[in-house]
C-alpha atoms as a PDB file:
ATOM      1  CA  MET A   1      26.432  35.197  37.498  1.00  0.00           C
ATOM      2  CA  GLY A   2      24.704  38.566  37.794  1.00  0.00           C
ATOM      3  CA  ILE A   3      23.462  38.741  34.210  1.00  0.00           C
ATOM      4  CA  ALA A   4      20.823  40.838  32.512  1.00  0.00           C
ATOM      5  CA  GLU A   5      18.027  38.422  31.737  1.00  0.00           C
ATOM      6  CA  ASP A   6      17.641  38.771  28.001  1.00  0.00           C
ATOM      7  CA  GLY A   7      16.677  35.580  26.181  1.00  0.00           C
ATOM      8  CA  GLY A   8      20.218  34.575  25.198  1.00  0.00           C
ATOM      9  CA  GLN A   9      21.825  35.087  28.588  1.00  0.00           C
ATOM     10  CA  ALA A  10      18.960  33.499  30.497  1.00  0.00           C
ATOM     11  CA  ALA A  11      19.050  30.481  28.198  1.00  0.00           C
ATOM     12  CA  ARG A  12      22.816  30.248  28.531  1.00  0.00           C
ATOM     13  CA  TRP A  13      22.995  30.313  32.317  1.00  0.00           C
ATOM     14  CA  ASN A  14      19.918  28.178  32.858  1.00  0.00           C
ATOM     15  CA  GLY A  15      21.144  25.717  30.242  1.00  0.00           C
ATOM     16  CA  PRO A  16      24.592  24.398  29.278  1.00  0.00           C
ATOM     17  CA  ALA A  17      26.727  27.057  31.007  1.00  0.00           C
ATOM     18  CA  GLY A  18      24.868  26.807  34.301  1.00  0.00           C
ATOM     19  CA  HIS A  19      25.063  23.024  34.326  1.00  0.00           C
ATOM     20  CA  ALA A  20      28.787  23.174  33.444  1.00  0.00           C
ATOM     21  CA  TRP A  21      29.486  25.373  36.463  1.00  0.00           C
ATOM     22  CA  VAL A  22      27.518  23.027  38.726  1.00  0.00           C
ATOM     23  CA  ALA A  23      29.457  20.027  37.428  1.00  0.00           C
ATOM     24  CA  ALA A  24      32.762  21.818  38.002  1.00  0.00           C
ATOM     25  CA  GLN A  25      31.961  23.531  41.298  1.00  0.00           C
ATOM     26  CA  ALA A  26      34.584  21.633  43.304  1.00  0.00           C
ATOM     27  CA  LEU A  27      37.242  22.537  40.734  1.00  0.00           C
ATOM     28  CA  THR A  28      36.375  26.230  40.495  1.00  0.00           C
ATOM     29  CA  ASP A  29      35.846  26.615  44.244  1.00  0.00           C
ATOM     30  CA  GLY A  30      39.320  25.245  44.902  1.00  0.00           C
ATOM     31  CA  MET A  31      40.883  27.288  42.120  1.00  0.00           C
ATOM     32  CA  PHE A  32      39.459  30.595  43.358  1.00  0.00           C
ATOM     33  CA  LYS A  33      39.361  29.972  47.108  1.00  0.00           C
ATOM     34  CA  SER A  34      41.944  32.696  47.763  1.00  0.00           C
ATOM     35  CA  PHE A  35      39.584  35.308  46.293  1.00  0.00           C
ATOM     36  CA  GLU A  36      36.775  33.999  48.466  1.00  0.00           C
ATOM     37  CA  GLY A  37      39.063  34.453  51.487  1.00  0.00           C
ATOM     38  CA  LEU A  38      39.935  38.030  50.534  1.00  0.00           C
ATOM     39  CA  LEU A  39      36.258  38.978  50.320  1.00  0.00           C
ATOM     40  CA  VAL A  40      35.228  37.181  53.508  1.00  0.00           C
ATOM     41  CA  ASP A  41      38.096  38.693  55.505  1.00  0.00           C
ATOM     42  CA  ALA A  42      37.269  42.203  54.269  1.00  0.00           C
ATOM     43  CA  ILE A  43      33.579  41.953  55.111  1.00  0.00           C
ATOM     44  CA  ALA A  44      34.169  40.303  58.491  1.00  0.00           C
ATOM     45  CA  ALA A  45      36.712  42.988  59.427  1.00  0.00           C
ATOM     46  CA  ARG A  46      34.132  45.635  58.649  1.00  0.00           C
ATOM     47  CA  GLY A  47      31.624  44.045  61.009  1.00  0.00           C
ATOM     48  CA  ALA A  48      28.927  43.628  58.371  1.00  0.00           C
ATOM     49  CA  GLY A  49      25.832  41.654  59.321  1.00  0.00           C
ATOM     50  CA  GLN A  50      23.436  41.842  56.360  1.00  0.00           C
ATOM     51  CA  VAL A  51      25.318  40.743  53.234  1.00  0.00           C
ATOM     52  CA  LEU A  52      24.267  40.268  49.614  1.00  0.00           C
ATOM     53  CA  ASP A  53      26.412  38.086  47.332  1.00  0.00           C
ATOM     54  CA  VAL A  54      25.780  39.006  43.680  1.00  0.00           C
ATOM     55  CA  GLY A  55      26.227  36.362  41.003  1.00  0.00           C
ATOM     56  CA  CYS A  56      26.692  33.847  43.806  1.00  0.00           C
ATOM     57  CA  GLY A  57      26.888  30.829  41.502  1.00  0.00           C
ATOM     58  CA  THR A  58      26.907  27.609  43.500  1.00  0.00           C
ATOM     59  CA  GLY A  59      27.210  29.521  46.785  1.00  0.00           C
ATOM     60  CA  ALA A  60      30.832  29.120  47.877  1.00  0.00           C
ATOM     61  CA  THR A  61      31.334  32.749  48.908  1.00  0.00           C
ATOM     62  CA  THR A  62      27.841  33.114  50.396  1.00  0.00           C
ATOM     63  CA  THR A  63      28.240  30.075  52.630  1.00  0.00           C
ATOM     64  CA  ALA A  64      31.769  31.097  53.623  1.00  0.00           C
ATOM     65  CA  LEU A  65      30.432  34.496  54.681  1.00  0.00           C
ATOM     66  CA  ALA A  66      27.574  32.879  56.611  1.00  0.00           C
ATOM     67  CA  ARG A  67      30.013  30.631  58.476  1.00  0.00           C
ATOM     68  CA  ARG A  68      32.258  33.591  59.378  1.00  0.00           C
ATOM     69  CA  LEU A  69      29.450  35.917  60.454  1.00  0.00           C
ATOM     70  CA  GLY A  70      27.670  33.248  62.473  1.00  0.00           C
ATOM     71  CA  PRO A  71      24.118  33.404  63.851  1.00  0.00           C
ATOM     72  CA  SER A  72      24.089  37.206  63.974  1.00  0.00           C
ATOM     73  CA  GLY A  73      24.678  37.487  60.243  1.00  0.00           C
ATOM     74  CA  HIS A  74      22.194  37.264  57.390  1.00  0.00           C
ATOM     75  CA  CYS A  75      23.633  36.280  54.012  1.00  0.00           C
ATOM     76  CA  VAL A  76      21.696  36.277  50.754  1.00  0.00           C
ATOM     77  CA  GLY A  77      23.007  34.953  47.446  1.00  0.00           C
ATOM     78  CA  VAL A  78      21.430  35.977  44.141  1.00  0.00           C
ATOM     79  CA  ASP A  79      22.024  34.468  40.716  1.00  0.00           C
ATOM     80  CA  ILE A  80      20.182  34.207  37.402  1.00  0.00           C
ATOM     81  CA  SER A  81      20.960  30.486  37.055  1.00  0.00           C
ATOM     82  CA  GLU A  82      18.426  28.066  38.492  1.00  0.00           C
ATOM     83  CA  PRO A  83      20.848  25.100  38.320  1.00  0.00           C
ATOM     84  CA  MET A  84      23.459  27.039  40.286  1.00  0.00           C
ATOM     85  CA  ILE A  85      20.957  28.354  42.827  1.00  0.00           C
ATOM     86  CA  ALA A  86      19.720  24.793  43.381  1.00  0.00           C
ATOM     87  CA  ALA A  87      23.320  23.677  43.951  1.00  0.00           C
ATOM     88  CA  ALA A  88      23.900  26.591  46.345  1.00  0.00           C
ATOM     89  CA  ARG A  89      20.849  25.690  48.416  1.00  0.00           C
ATOM     90  CA  ALA A  90      21.984  22.056  48.554  1.00  0.00           C
ATOM     91  CA  ARG A  91      25.467  23.175  49.645  1.00  0.00           C
ATOM     92  CA  ALA A  92      24.110  25.337  52.468  1.00  0.00           C
ATOM     93  CA  GLU A  93      21.892  22.522  53.707  1.00  0.00           C
ATOM     94  CA  ARG A  94      24.715  19.996  53.459  1.00  0.00           C
ATOM     95  CA  GLU A  95      27.090  22.257  55.392  1.00  0.00           C
ATOM     96  CA  GLY A  96      24.508  23.315  57.955  1.00  0.00           C
ATOM     97  CA  VAL A  97      24.900  26.991  57.070  1.00  0.00           C
ATOM     98  CA  ARG A  98      22.144  29.601  57.343  1.00  0.00           C
ATOM     99  CA  ALA A  99      22.030  31.348  53.981  1.00  0.00           C
ATOM    100  CA  VAL A 100      19.212  32.354  51.650  1.00  0.00           C
ATOM    101  CA  PHE A 101      19.452  31.962  47.870  1.00  0.00           C
ATOM    102  CA  VAL A 102      17.307  33.797  45.342  1.00  0.00           C
ATOM    103  CA  ARG A 103      17.053  33.012  41.658  1.00  0.00           C
ATOM    104  CA  ALA A 104      16.784  36.474  40.082  1.00  0.00           C
ATOM    105  CA  ASP A 105      18.456  38.980  37.785  1.00  0.00           C
ATOM    106  CA  ALA A 106      20.377  41.329  40.068  1.00  0.00           C
ATOM    107  CA  GLN A 107      20.190  44.065  37.424  1.00  0.00           C
ATOM    108  CA  ASP A 108      16.488  44.718  38.005  1.00  0.00           C
ATOM    109  CA  HIS A 109      15.393  42.524  40.926  1.00  0.00           C
ATOM    110  CA  ALA A 110      13.294  44.412  43.468  1.00  0.00           C
ATOM    111  CA  PHE A 111      15.569  44.076  46.484  1.00  0.00           C
ATOM    112  CA  GLU A 112      14.301  45.540  49.722  1.00  0.00           C
ATOM    113  CA  PRO A 113      15.619  49.135  49.813  1.00  0.00           C
ATOM    114  CA  ALA A 114      18.521  49.811  52.178  1.00  0.00           C
ATOM    115  CA  ALA A 115      18.513  46.179  53.322  1.00  0.00           C
ATOM    116  CA  PHE A 116      22.236  45.342  53.200  1.00  0.00           C
ATOM    117  CA  ASP A 117      25.286  46.820  54.845  1.00  0.00           C
ATOM    118  CA  ALA A 118      27.629  44.968  52.479  1.00  0.00           C
ATOM    119  CA  ILE A 119      27.310  43.795  48.874  1.00  0.00           C
ATOM    120  CA  VAL A 120      29.985  41.460  47.535  1.00  0.00           C
ATOM    121  CA  SER A 121      30.774  39.468  44.412  1.00  0.00           C
ATOM    122  CA  ARG A 122      33.451  37.024  43.322  1.00  0.00           C
ATOM    123  CA  PHE A 123      33.482  37.189  39.519  1.00  0.00           C
ATOM    124  CA  GLY A 124      29.726  37.734  39.345  1.00  0.00           C
ATOM    125  CA  VAL A 125      29.277  41.331  38.150  1.00  0.00           C
ATOM    126  CA  MET A 126      30.961  41.300  34.709  1.00  0.00           C
ATOM    127  CA  PHE A 127      27.894  40.012  32.860  1.00  0.00           C
ATOM    128  CA  PHE A 128      25.331  42.803  33.236  1.00  0.00           C
ATOM    129  CA  GLY A 129      23.746  43.985  29.998  1.00  0.00           C
ATOM    130  CA  ASP A 130      23.476  47.514  31.476  1.00  0.00           C
ATOM    131  CA  PRO A 131      26.056  47.829  34.268  1.00  0.00           C
ATOM    132  CA  VAL A 132      25.032  51.367  35.293  1.00  0.00           C
ATOM    133  CA  THR A 133      21.431  50.259  35.799  1.00  0.00           C
ATOM    134  CA  ALA A 134      22.614  47.153  37.638  1.00  0.00           C
ATOM    135  CA  PHE A 135      24.959  48.898  40.053  1.00  0.00           C
ATOM    136  CA  ALA A 136      22.333  51.606  40.668  1.00  0.00           C
ATOM    137  CA  ASN A 137      19.898  48.852  41.613  1.00  0.00           C
ATOM    138  CA  LEU A 138      22.474  47.425  44.011  1.00  0.00           C
ATOM    139  CA  ARG A 139      23.092  50.910  45.427  1.00  0.00           C
ATOM    140  CA  ARG A 140      19.391  51.141  46.319  1.00  0.00           C
ATOM    141  CA  ALA A 141      19.685  47.819  48.140  1.00  0.00           C
ATOM    142  CA  ALA A 142      22.574  49.135  50.262  1.00  0.00           C
ATOM    143  CA  ARG A 143      22.161  51.062  53.479  1.00  0.00           C
ATOM    144  CA  ASP A 144      23.762  54.487  53.813  1.00  0.00           C
ATOM    145  CA  GLY A 145      27.345  53.787  54.787  1.00  0.00           C
ATOM    146  CA  GLY A 146      27.198  50.328  53.269  1.00  0.00           C
ATOM    147  CA  GLU A 147      30.066  48.846  51.290  1.00  0.00           C
ATOM    148  CA  LEU A 148      30.377  47.344  47.835  1.00  0.00           C
ATOM    149  CA  ARG A 149      33.312  45.014  47.309  1.00  0.00           C
ATOM    150  CA  PHE A 150      33.919  42.756  44.339  1.00  0.00           C
ATOM    151  CA  VAL A 151      36.600  40.924  42.399  1.00  0.00           C
ATOM    152  CA  ALA A 152      36.719  41.185  38.593  1.00  0.00           C
ATOM    153  CA  TRP A 153      39.274  40.169  35.979  1.00  0.00           C
ATOM    154  CA  ARG A 154      41.853  42.512  34.545  1.00  0.00           C
ATOM    155  CA  GLY A 155      42.525  42.284  30.800  1.00  0.00           C
ATOM    156  CA  THR A 156      43.338  39.372  28.524  1.00  0.00           C
ATOM    157  CA  ALA A 157      46.957  40.489  28.123  1.00  0.00           C
ATOM    158  CA  GLU A 158      47.500  40.034  31.859  1.00  0.00           C
ATOM    159  CA  ASN A 159      45.604  36.733  31.934  1.00  0.00           C
ATOM    160  CA  PRO A 160      47.064  34.649  29.094  1.00  0.00           C
ATOM    161  CA  PHE A 161      46.056  31.402  30.781  1.00  0.00           C
ATOM    162  CA  MET A 162      42.394  32.303  30.374  1.00  0.00           C
ATOM    163  CA  THR A 163      42.617  32.604  26.579  1.00  0.00           C
ATOM    164  CA  THR A 164      45.093  29.768  25.910  1.00  0.00           C
ATOM    165  CA  ALA A 165      42.489  27.326  24.636  1.00  0.00           C
ATOM    166  CA  GLU A 166      40.803  29.731  22.239  1.00  0.00           C
ATOM    167  CA  ARG A 167      44.083  31.040  20.829  1.00  0.00           C
ATOM    168  CA  ALA A 168      45.273  27.485  20.166  1.00  0.00           C
ATOM    169  CA  ALA A 169      41.939  26.283  18.788  1.00  0.00           C
ATOM    170  CA  ALA A 170      41.154  29.300  16.581  1.00  0.00           C
ATOM    171  CA  PRO A 171      42.527  27.729  13.336  1.00  0.00           C
ATOM    172  CA  LEU A 172      40.305  24.683  13.922  1.00  0.00           C
ATOM    173  CA  LEU A 173      37.210  26.639  14.964  1.00  0.00           C
ATOM    174  CA  PRO A 174      36.804  29.443  12.398  1.00  0.00           C
ATOM    175  CA  ASN A 175      33.502  30.597  13.898  1.00  0.00           C
ATOM    176  CA  LEU A 176      34.898  30.976  17.395  1.00  0.00           C
ATOM    177  CA  PRO A 177      33.408  34.224  18.764  1.00  0.00           C
ATOM    178  CA  ALA A 178      35.870  37.006  19.479  1.00  0.00           C
ATOM    179  CA  ARG A 179      36.008  38.603  22.919  1.00  0.00           C
ATOM    180  CA  ARG A 180      34.976  42.243  22.634  1.00  0.00           C
ATOM    181  CA  PRO A 181      35.928  44.838  25.273  1.00  0.00           C
ATOM    182  CA  ASP A 182      33.057  46.184  27.360  1.00  0.00           C
ATOM    183  CA  GLU A 183      30.590  43.491  26.228  1.00  0.00           C
ATOM    184  CA  PRO A 184      29.119  41.310  28.997  1.00  0.00           C
ATOM    185  CA  GLY A 185      31.636  38.607  29.774  1.00  0.00           C
ATOM    186  CA  GLN A 186      34.690  37.669  31.767  1.00  0.00           C
ATOM    187  CA  PHE A 187      36.715  40.795  30.898  1.00  0.00           C
ATOM    188  CA  ALA A 188      33.914  43.366  30.757  1.00  0.00           C
ATOM    189  CA  LEU A 189      35.326  45.274  33.762  1.00  0.00           C
ATOM    190  CA  ALA A 190      38.988  45.045  32.780  1.00  0.00           C
ATOM    191  CA  ASP A 191      39.279  48.813  32.201  1.00  0.00           C
ATOM    192  CA  PRO A 192      39.536  50.528  35.615  1.00  0.00           C
ATOM    193  CA  ASP A 193      38.477  53.877  34.150  1.00  0.00           C
ATOM    194  CA  ARG A 194      35.284  52.287  32.906  1.00  0.00           C
ATOM    195  CA  VAL A 195      34.698  50.681  36.315  1.00  0.00           C
ATOM    196  CA  GLU A 196      35.035  54.063  38.012  1.00  0.00           C
ATOM    197  CA  ARG A 197      32.669  55.715  35.506  1.00  0.00           C
ATOM    198  CA  VAL A 198      30.065  52.986  35.912  1.00  0.00           C
ATOM    199  CA  LEU A 199      30.136  53.085  39.700  1.00  0.00           C
ATOM    200  CA  THR A 200      30.094  56.891  39.872  1.00  0.00           C
ATOM    201  CA  ARG A 201      27.136  57.121  37.495  1.00  0.00           C
ATOM    202  CA  SER A 202      25.263  54.490  39.499  1.00  0.00           C
ATOM    203  CA  GLY A 203      25.567  56.422  42.765  1.00  0.00           C
ATOM    204  CA  TRP A 204      28.541  54.834  44.524  1.00  0.00           C
ATOM    205  CA  ALA A 205      31.292  56.935  46.132  1.00  0.00           C
ATOM    206  CA  GLY A 206      34.738  56.430  47.627  1.00  0.00           C
ATOM    207  CA  ILE A 207      35.712  54.141  44.764  1.00  0.00           C
ATOM    208  CA  ASP A 208      38.912  52.176  45.284  1.00  0.00           C
ATOM    209  CA  ILE A 209      40.313  49.924  42.544  1.00  0.00           C
ATOM    210  CA  ARG A 210      43.429  47.901  43.337  1.00  0.00           C
ATOM    211  CA  PRO A 211      45.218  45.163  41.400  1.00  0.00           C
ATOM    212  CA  VAL A 212      45.471  41.766  43.034  1.00  0.00           C
ATOM    213  CA  ASP A 213      47.479  38.869  41.641  1.00  0.00           C
ATOM    214  CA  VAL A 214      46.666  35.443  43.036  1.00  0.00           C
ATOM    215  CA  SER A 215      48.440  32.159  42.339  1.00  0.00           C
ATOM    216  CA  CYS A 216      45.907  29.492  41.393  1.00  0.00           C
ATOM    217  CA  ALA A 217      46.332  25.746  40.900  1.00  0.00           C
ATOM    218  CA  PHE A 218      44.339  22.611  40.170  1.00  0.00           C
ATOM    219  CA  PRO A 219      45.139  18.964  39.321  1.00  0.00           C
ATOM    220  CA  GLU A 220      46.405  18.298  35.808  1.00  0.00           C
ATOM    221  CA  HIS A 221      43.773  15.604  35.228  1.00  0.00           C
ATOM    222  CA  GLU A 222      41.128  18.355  35.474  1.00  0.00           C
ATOM    223  CA  LEU A 223      42.654  20.451  32.679  1.00  0.00           C
ATOM    224  CA  VAL A 224      40.858  18.931  29.688  1.00  0.00           C
ATOM    225  CA  PRO A 225      37.463  18.931  31.466  1.00  0.00           C
ATOM    226  CA  TYR A 226      38.145  22.566  32.411  1.00  0.00           C
ATOM    227  CA  PHE A 227      38.806  24.004  28.961  1.00  0.00           C
ATOM    228  CA  THR A 228      36.210  21.835  27.235  1.00  0.00           C
ATOM    229  CA  ARG A 229      33.465  23.072  29.597  1.00  0.00           C
ATOM    230  CA  PHE A 230      34.104  26.802  29.803  1.00  0.00           C
ATOM    231  CA  GLY A 231      34.690  29.840  27.640  1.00  0.00           C
ATOM    232  CA  PRO A 232      34.313  30.181  23.857  1.00  0.00           C
ATOM    233  CA  VAL A 233      35.969  26.811  23.213  1.00  0.00           C
ATOM    234  CA  GLY A 234      33.690  24.993  25.615  1.00  0.00           C
ATOM    235  CA  MET A 235      30.649  26.525  23.899  1.00  0.00           C
ATOM    236  CA  ALA A 236      31.954  25.771  20.394  1.00  0.00           C
ATOM    237  CA  LEU A 237      32.729  22.132  21.178  1.00  0.00           C
ATOM    238  CA  ARG A 238      29.041  21.450  21.794  1.00  0.00           C
ATOM    239  CA  GLU A 239      28.405  21.977  18.074  1.00  0.00           C
ATOM    240  CA  VAL A 240      31.295  20.159  16.345  1.00  0.00           C
ATOM    241  CA  ASP A 241      31.811  16.611  15.109  1.00  0.00           C
ATOM    242  CA  GLU A 242      33.923  14.116  17.034  1.00  0.00           C
ATOM    243  CA  ARG A 243      36.919  14.391  14.702  1.00  0.00           C
ATOM    244  CA  THR A 244      37.096  18.161  15.123  1.00  0.00           C
ATOM    245  CA  ARG A 245      36.598  17.852  18.859  1.00  0.00           C
ATOM    246  CA  THR A 246      39.529  15.438  19.122  1.00  0.00           C
ATOM    247  CA  GLN A 247      41.771  17.793  17.113  1.00  0.00           C
ATOM    248  CA  VAL A 248      40.787  20.785  19.226  1.00  0.00           C
ATOM    249  CA  VAL A 249      41.343  18.951  22.511  1.00  0.00           C
ATOM    250  CA  GLU A 250      44.790  17.700  21.457  1.00  0.00           C
ATOM    251  CA  THR A 251      45.883  21.098  20.112  1.00  0.00           C
ATOM    252  CA  ALA A 252      44.607  23.101  23.077  1.00  0.00           C
ATOM    253  CA  ARG A 253      45.970  20.655  25.641  1.00  0.00           C
ATOM    254  CA  ALA A 254      49.464  20.972  24.154  1.00  0.00           C
ATOM    255  CA  ALA A 255      49.209  24.771  24.371  1.00  0.00           C
ATOM    256  CA  PHE A 256      48.760  24.500  28.149  1.00  0.00           C
ATOM    257  CA  ASP A 257      52.082  22.657  28.638  1.00  0.00           C
ATOM    258  CA  PRO A 258      53.877  25.764  30.012  1.00  0.00           C
ATOM    259  CA  TYR A 259      51.379  25.837  32.883  1.00  0.00           C
ATOM    260  CA  VAL A 260      51.716  22.164  33.868  1.00  0.00           C
ATOM    261  CA  ASN A 261      54.283  20.990  36.397  1.00  0.00           C
ATOM    262  CA  ASP A 262      54.319  18.106  38.895  1.00  0.00           C
ATOM    263  CA  ALA A 263      50.836  16.923  37.893  1.00  0.00           C
ATOM    264  CA  ALA A 264      49.367  20.353  38.644  1.00  0.00           C
ATOM    265  CA  VAL A 265      48.234  23.304  36.549  1.00  0.00           C
ATOM    266  CA  ARG A 266      49.444  26.644  37.902  1.00  0.00           C
ATOM    267  CA  PHE A 267      48.688  30.164  36.737  1.00  0.00           C
ATOM    268  CA  THR A 268      48.356  33.701  38.041  1.00  0.00           C
ATOM    269  CA  ALA A 269      44.919  35.329  38.112  1.00  0.00           C
ATOM    270  CA  ALA A 270      45.317  39.067  37.492  1.00  0.00           C
ATOM    271  CA  CYS A 271      42.257  40.826  38.900  1.00  0.00           C
ATOM    272  CA  TRP A 272      40.878  44.012  40.410  1.00  0.00           C
ATOM    273  CA  MET A 273      39.667  44.268  43.978  1.00  0.00           C
ATOM    274  CA  VAL A 274      37.072  47.015  43.801  1.00  0.00           C
ATOM    275  CA  GLY A 275      35.569  48.807  46.770  1.00  0.00           C
ATOM    276  CA  ALA A 276      32.998  51.587  47.032  1.00  0.00           C
ATOM    277  CA  GLN A 277      30.685  53.140  49.642  1.00  0.00           C
ATOM    278  CA  ALA A 278      27.029  54.034  49.725  1.00  0.00           C
ATOM    279  CA  ARG A 279      26.996  57.626  50.914  1.00  0.00           C
END
């Protein structure tokens, strides 16, 4: 979660949101494993050795890169969330993988200049308070000729699964916060023109933005824990009474019926695969 460390965001990702992601790491890692594979394959094919994973969360992509690159590689994961960084370190130790994890705000952290020949992110760069400043900081951390490659969500219209719970629960949760384009959040980089402007202004070149659509699935019994942990509904449910919570859960769960088949939840993740070079 590469997030600008203002008080609200820091509190969020070092509090309830960070702990929710740690609790659900097996679920989310399985759900998004295909994106992890796309990033690892791209970086390995390029022959990168020094890799920075931005918004590394609980470390799935960082450790996968470290396994692929082997002893000659050096992989660093950075995230603002102490709970997630602690989980990432535990994962690397458990799996016997050599990877370093740093708890920091990637927007302004003093990375060693020109230290990395690849910078990657799986859904970790949509949360910057000032994306131009953040990507310029990452550009300084990249060597000349280095590569930036990340996955970010396309818009809400192309990802109806992701807003199912909040659309269904809105009548029951009148104070549910609206998603606003370009604000830090899941869909902040949905506009490819904005992505190109941000990267150009922050010093990256050779920008390549391509749509990728990936089929995702997880067990049906994980559905209620999923939508009650994450997103606007997950946040709102922490503040409501038990009666309202029960109504919201029942209403939202029914709205997901079109995605449930054979005891599994299936949906398509509509994203951008973004590449750029440090020239």
